[in-house]
Protein backbone atom coordinates (compact mmCIF):
# COMPACT_ATOMS: atom_id res chain seq x y z
CA MET A 1 -33.16 60.24 -24.78
CA SER A 2 -34.17 58.12 -27.75
CA ARG A 3 -34.45 54.35 -27.60
CA ASP A 4 -31.23 54.04 -29.64
CA ASP A 5 -29.42 56.33 -27.19
CA SER A 6 -30.73 54.30 -24.25
CA VAL A 7 -29.53 51.06 -25.84
CA SER A 8 -26.11 52.60 -26.54
CA ALA A 9 -25.81 53.93 -22.99
CA GLY A 10 -26.89 50.58 -21.58
CA THR A 11 -24.35 48.76 -23.73
CA ALA A 12 -21.59 51.13 -22.62
CA LEU A 13 -22.45 50.71 -18.94
CA ALA A 14 -22.58 46.93 -19.28
CA ALA A 15 -19.17 46.92 -20.97
CA LEU A 16 -17.73 49.12 -18.24
CA ALA A 17 -19.12 46.87 -15.50
CA ILE A 18 -17.72 43.75 -17.18
CA CYS A 19 -14.26 45.30 -17.62
CA GLU A 20 -14.21 46.60 -14.06
CA SER A 21 -15.20 43.16 -12.74
CA LEU A 22 -12.52 41.48 -14.84
CA LEU A 23 -9.84 43.80 -13.50
CA ILE A 24 -10.96 43.18 -9.92
CA SER A 25 -10.95 39.42 -10.51
CA LEU A 26 -7.47 39.50 -12.06
CA VAL A 27 -6.15 41.40 -9.04
CA GLU A 28 -7.88 39.07 -6.58
CA LYS A 29 -6.36 36.03 -8.34
CA GLY A 30 -2.91 37.60 -8.24
CA LEU A 31 -2.62 37.85 -12.03
CA LEU A 32 -2.37 41.66 -11.83
CA ASP A 33 -1.27 43.83 -8.98
CA GLU A 34 -2.92 47.10 -8.02
CA VAL A 35 -0.30 49.17 -9.83
CA GLU A 36 -0.89 47.26 -13.08
CA ARG A 37 -4.66 47.62 -12.72
CA GLU A 38 -4.27 51.34 -12.22
CA GLU A 39 -1.91 51.60 -15.21
CA ILE A 40 -4.47 49.86 -17.41
CA LEU A 41 -7.20 52.28 -16.36
CA GLU A 42 -4.90 55.28 -16.75
CA ALA A 43 -3.91 54.15 -20.27
CA ALA A 44 -7.59 53.84 -21.20
CA LEU A 45 -8.27 57.27 -19.71
CA GLU A 46 -5.38 58.82 -21.62
CA MET A 47 -6.60 57.27 -24.87
CA HIS A 48 -9.95 59.02 -24.50
CA VAL A 49 -8.46 62.31 -23.34
CA ARG A 50 -6.21 62.45 -26.43
CA ALA A 51 -8.60 60.79 -28.89
CA GLU A 52 -8.91 62.17 -32.38
CA SER A 53 -11.31 59.52 -33.63
CA GLN A 54 -13.67 60.21 -36.48
CA ARG A 55 -16.00 57.48 -35.26
CA PHE A 56 -16.89 59.04 -31.91
CA SER A 57 -17.50 62.66 -30.97
CA ARG A 58 -15.31 64.65 -28.61
CA ARG A 59 -18.22 64.62 -26.17
CA GLU A 60 -18.40 60.81 -26.24
CA HIS A 61 -14.67 60.54 -25.54
CA GLU A 62 -15.00 63.02 -22.68
CA ALA A 63 -17.87 60.98 -21.21
CA ALA A 64 -15.78 57.80 -21.47
CA ALA A 65 -12.85 59.53 -19.78
CA GLU A 66 -15.09 60.72 -16.96
CA MET A 67 -16.42 57.20 -16.36
CA ILE A 68 -12.87 55.83 -16.21
CA ARG A 69 -11.91 58.59 -13.73
CA ARG A 70 -14.83 57.52 -11.54
CA VAL A 71 -13.66 53.89 -11.61
CA LEU A 72 -10.17 55.02 -10.56
CA VAL A 73 -11.50 57.21 -7.74
CA ARG A 74 -13.92 54.55 -6.51
CA SER A 75 -11.27 51.84 -6.46
CA ASP A 76 -8.84 54.18 -4.66
CA ALA A 77 -11.54 54.93 -2.05
CA LEU A 78 -12.08 51.19 -1.55
CA GLY A 79 -8.39 50.71 -0.92
CA GLY A 80 -7.76 49.16 -4.34
């Protein structure tokens, strides 16, 4: 993995962690319920599954979708 790839992967993981934390915080504060949180993640997942972007490769969209699936599974396992 090149340095540029490492920076890109690190940026993506940081963004994912921030978004996941924000969703958890919104649920904990009662601004979103669990169903809404799940709908947000499912909409993001669907966007990457159906993506036809010229900016990102099919492989990048598939990787993003897989990460979102993991967030959904992990939060379901935690009772969220």
